[in-house]
N, C-alpha and C. Protein backbone atom coordinates (compact mmCIF):
# COMPACT_ATOMS: atom_id res chain seq x y z
N MET A 1 64.52 -59.11 -40.80
CA MET A 1 63.28 -59.82 -40.75
C MET A 1 62.72 -59.75 -39.38
N SER A 2 61.35 -59.74 -39.19
CA SER A 2 60.76 -59.82 -37.96
C SER A 2 59.92 -61.05 -37.79
N ILE A 3 59.42 -61.25 -36.52
CA ILE A 3 58.57 -62.38 -36.27
C ILE A 3 57.33 -62.36 -37.17
N GLN A 4 56.74 -61.20 -37.35
CA GLN A 4 55.65 -61.04 -38.25
C GLN A 4 55.83 -61.43 -39.68
N ASP A 5 57.09 -61.27 -40.12
CA ASP A 5 57.32 -61.71 -41.52
C ASP A 5 57.12 -63.21 -41.69
N PHE A 6 57.25 -63.99 -40.62
CA PHE A 6 56.94 -65.43 -40.65
C PHE A 6 55.58 -65.76 -40.22
N THR A 7 55.12 -65.10 -39.22
CA THR A 7 53.76 -65.54 -38.75
C THR A 7 52.61 -65.20 -39.67
N LYS A 8 52.93 -64.26 -40.53
CA LYS A 8 51.80 -63.79 -41.49
C LYS A 8 51.43 -65.03 -42.40
N TYR A 9 52.23 -66.10 -42.53
CA TYR A 9 52.00 -67.21 -43.37
C TYR A 9 51.09 -68.27 -42.59
N LEU A 10 50.99 -68.15 -41.34
CA LEU A 10 50.22 -69.16 -40.51
C LEU A 10 48.75 -69.12 -41.00
N GLY A 11 48.26 -70.32 -41.42
CA GLY A 11 46.86 -70.52 -41.81
C GLY A 11 46.64 -70.05 -43.30
N THR A 12 47.78 -69.72 -44.00
CA THR A 12 47.67 -69.31 -45.35
C THR A 12 47.85 -70.48 -46.35
N GLN A 13 46.93 -70.33 -47.44
CA GLN A 13 47.14 -71.30 -48.55
C GLN A 13 48.28 -70.77 -49.43
N VAL A 14 49.27 -71.64 -49.70
CA VAL A 14 50.62 -71.21 -50.41
C VAL A 14 50.85 -72.23 -51.41
N LYS A 15 51.60 -71.78 -52.41
CA LYS A 15 52.15 -72.63 -53.43
C LYS A 15 53.54 -72.22 -53.59
N PHE A 16 54.56 -73.18 -53.54
CA PHE A 16 55.90 -72.89 -53.51
C PHE A 16 56.80 -73.97 -54.21
N THR A 17 57.97 -73.61 -54.64
CA THR A 17 58.87 -74.60 -55.20
C THR A 17 60.08 -74.65 -54.22
N HIS A 18 60.69 -75.86 -54.19
CA HIS A 18 61.88 -76.14 -53.51
C HIS A 18 62.68 -77.28 -54.13
N LYS A 19 64.03 -77.36 -53.69
CA LYS A 19 64.82 -78.44 -54.17
C LYS A 19 64.88 -79.39 -52.94
N PRO A 20 64.24 -80.56 -53.07
CA PRO A 20 64.33 -81.57 -51.97
C PRO A 20 65.75 -82.01 -51.80
N PHE A 21 66.09 -82.48 -50.55
CA PHE A 21 67.40 -83.08 -50.28
C PHE A 21 67.44 -84.55 -50.71
N ILE A 22 68.19 -84.70 -51.72
CA ILE A 22 68.25 -86.17 -52.34
C ILE A 22 69.75 -86.52 -52.39
N ASN A 23 70.09 -87.76 -51.95
CA ASN A 23 71.42 -88.21 -51.94
C ASN A 23 71.91 -88.64 -53.39
N ASP A 24 70.98 -88.74 -54.29
CA ASP A 24 71.42 -89.10 -55.67
C ASP A 24 71.78 -87.95 -56.52
N PRO A 25 73.10 -87.71 -56.80
CA PRO A 25 73.49 -86.59 -57.53
C PRO A 25 72.81 -86.46 -58.99
N SER A 26 72.40 -87.53 -59.55
CA SER A 26 71.71 -87.40 -60.82
C SER A 26 70.41 -86.71 -60.75
N LEU A 27 69.89 -86.56 -59.51
CA LEU A 27 68.56 -85.92 -59.30
C LEU A 27 68.78 -84.54 -58.75
N GLY A 28 69.86 -84.05 -58.70
CA GLY A 28 70.25 -82.73 -58.21
C GLY A 28 69.48 -81.58 -58.79
N HIS A 29 68.97 -81.76 -59.99
CA HIS A 29 68.28 -80.63 -60.69
C HIS A 29 66.81 -80.69 -60.40
N LEU A 30 66.28 -81.68 -59.65
CA LEU A 30 64.92 -81.79 -59.36
C LEU A 30 64.37 -80.63 -58.45
N VAL A 31 63.29 -80.01 -59.04
CA VAL A 31 62.50 -79.02 -58.22
C VAL A 31 61.09 -79.47 -58.07
N VAL A 32 60.63 -79.34 -56.89
CA VAL A 32 59.27 -79.83 -56.52
C VAL A 32 58.38 -78.60 -56.27
N THR A 33 57.07 -78.74 -56.78
CA THR A 33 56.08 -77.72 -56.43
C THR A 33 55.13 -78.30 -55.36
N VAL A 34 54.94 -77.53 -54.34
CA VAL A 34 54.16 -77.91 -53.21
C VAL A 34 52.99 -76.91 -52.94
N GLU A 35 51.83 -77.38 -52.60
CA GLU A 35 50.64 -76.51 -52.43
C GLU A 35 49.92 -76.93 -51.21
N GLY A 36 49.51 -76.01 -50.33
CA GLY A 36 48.69 -76.38 -49.17
C GLY A 36 48.56 -75.27 -48.19
N VAL A 37 48.14 -75.54 -46.93
CA VAL A 37 47.90 -74.52 -45.92
C VAL A 37 49.04 -74.75 -44.86
N ILE A 38 49.66 -73.61 -44.52
CA ILE A 38 50.66 -73.68 -43.45
C ILE A 38 49.97 -73.82 -42.12
N THR A 39 50.20 -74.87 -41.35
CA THR A 39 49.55 -75.15 -40.04
C THR A 39 50.40 -74.71 -38.90
N GLU A 40 51.66 -74.62 -39.09
CA GLU A 40 52.59 -74.19 -37.89
C GLU A 40 53.72 -73.44 -38.49
N VAL A 41 54.19 -72.50 -37.66
CA VAL A 41 55.44 -71.70 -37.92
C VAL A 41 56.35 -71.84 -36.79
N LEU A 42 57.63 -72.28 -37.02
CA LEU A 42 58.51 -72.48 -35.84
C LEU A 42 59.55 -71.38 -35.96
N ILE A 43 59.68 -70.53 -35.04
CA ILE A 43 60.61 -69.40 -35.02
C ILE A 43 61.72 -69.53 -34.03
N LYS A 44 62.91 -69.51 -34.57
CA LYS A 44 64.11 -69.51 -33.71
C LYS A 44 64.37 -68.12 -33.18
N GLN A 45 65.00 -68.06 -32.09
CA GLN A 45 65.25 -66.78 -31.38
C GLN A 45 66.07 -65.85 -32.24
N ASP A 46 66.96 -66.37 -32.98
CA ASP A 46 67.81 -65.38 -33.77
C ASP A 46 67.22 -65.10 -35.16
N LEU A 47 65.90 -65.64 -35.39
CA LEU A 47 65.19 -65.56 -36.66
C LEU A 47 65.90 -66.26 -37.80
N GLU A 48 66.85 -67.08 -37.61
CA GLU A 48 67.63 -67.83 -38.62
C GLU A 48 67.05 -69.17 -38.86
N ASP A 49 66.88 -69.59 -40.02
CA ASP A 49 66.51 -70.98 -40.31
C ASP A 49 65.05 -71.23 -39.69
N CYS A 50 64.16 -70.30 -39.75
CA CYS A 50 62.78 -70.50 -39.29
C CYS A 50 62.10 -71.45 -40.24
N GLU A 51 61.14 -72.26 -39.71
CA GLU A 51 60.53 -73.27 -40.48
C GLU A 51 59.04 -73.15 -40.45
N PHE A 52 58.33 -73.77 -41.33
CA PHE A 52 56.90 -73.94 -41.33
C PHE A 52 56.45 -75.42 -41.52
N VAL A 53 55.31 -75.77 -41.25
CA VAL A 53 54.72 -77.09 -41.42
C VAL A 53 53.66 -77.03 -42.42
N LEU A 54 53.70 -77.91 -43.41
CA LEU A 54 52.52 -78.01 -44.47
C LEU A 54 52.37 -79.50 -44.61
N ASP A 55 51.19 -79.95 -44.35
CA ASP A 55 50.81 -81.41 -44.52
C ASP A 55 51.73 -82.27 -43.70
N GLY A 56 52.24 -81.87 -42.57
CA GLY A 56 53.07 -82.60 -41.66
C GLY A 56 54.48 -82.65 -42.07
N ASP A 57 54.83 -81.90 -43.07
CA ASP A 57 56.34 -81.83 -43.54
C ASP A 57 56.85 -80.43 -43.08
N PHE A 58 58.11 -80.47 -42.71
CA PHE A 58 58.79 -79.23 -42.34
C PHE A 58 59.59 -78.68 -43.57
N TYR A 59 59.53 -77.35 -43.74
CA TYR A 59 60.25 -76.68 -44.72
C TYR A 59 60.97 -75.43 -44.09
N TRP A 60 62.21 -75.11 -44.51
CA TRP A 60 62.81 -73.87 -44.16
C TRP A 60 62.23 -72.66 -45.05
N PHE A 61 61.92 -71.56 -44.40
CA PHE A 61 61.49 -70.48 -45.22
C PHE A 61 62.63 -70.12 -46.23
N SER A 62 63.88 -70.16 -45.77
CA SER A 62 65.01 -69.79 -46.63
C SER A 62 65.21 -70.68 -47.85
N SER A 63 64.59 -71.89 -47.79
CA SER A 63 64.83 -72.87 -48.82
C SER A 63 63.71 -72.98 -49.89
N VAL A 64 62.66 -72.20 -49.72
CA VAL A 64 61.56 -72.27 -50.72
C VAL A 64 61.41 -70.94 -51.36
N ASN A 65 60.66 -71.04 -52.60
CA ASN A 65 60.39 -69.90 -53.40
C ASN A 65 58.85 -69.83 -53.48
N PHE A 66 58.27 -68.87 -52.86
CA PHE A 66 56.80 -68.82 -52.89
C PHE A 66 56.37 -68.37 -54.22
N VAL A 67 55.35 -69.04 -54.86
CA VAL A 67 54.72 -68.77 -56.14
C VAL A 67 53.52 -67.98 -56.00
N SER A 68 52.79 -68.30 -54.92
CA SER A 68 51.53 -67.57 -54.65
C SER A 68 51.08 -67.88 -53.22
N GLU A 69 50.30 -66.94 -52.70
CA GLU A 69 49.72 -67.10 -51.33
C GLU A 69 48.36 -66.39 -51.37
N LEU A 70 47.43 -66.98 -50.59
CA LEU A 70 46.12 -66.39 -50.40
C LEU A 70 46.08 -65.91 -49.02
N PRO A 71 45.39 -64.80 -48.65
CA PRO A 71 45.17 -64.38 -47.26
C PRO A 71 44.45 -65.45 -46.54
N SER A 72 44.83 -65.61 -45.30
CA SER A 72 44.31 -66.61 -44.38
C SER A 72 42.77 -66.29 -44.13
N SER A 73 42.34 -65.09 -44.48
CA SER A 73 40.88 -64.87 -44.27
C SER A 73 40.01 -65.43 -45.32
N LEU A 74 40.66 -65.90 -46.47
CA LEU A 74 39.87 -66.57 -47.51
C LEU A 74 39.74 -67.97 -47.32
N GLU A 75 38.46 -68.53 -47.53
CA GLU A 75 38.27 -69.95 -47.38
C GLU A 75 38.82 -70.69 -48.67
N VAL A 76 39.41 -71.75 -48.45
CA VAL A 76 39.93 -72.53 -49.61
C VAL A 76 39.25 -74.02 -49.49
N SER A 77 38.67 -74.33 -50.60
CA SER A 77 37.97 -75.60 -50.60
C SER A 77 38.97 -76.67 -51.07
């Protein structure tokens, strides 16, 4: 993976699923769908566990499954 593999998402409208960290084992099957614009990308020097920010929340690239993405050049209302 390269830096561009992560920065291409900056300013992009995305929709993804992820399993939130919940301490209650009975909710371990819960999968959440999130949608919005990625406003920040945090890249670690070794490119491991890179993160992004969407609506003020941090997500690891490695922990989400992108469902769709729109090019950052498109305006989203």
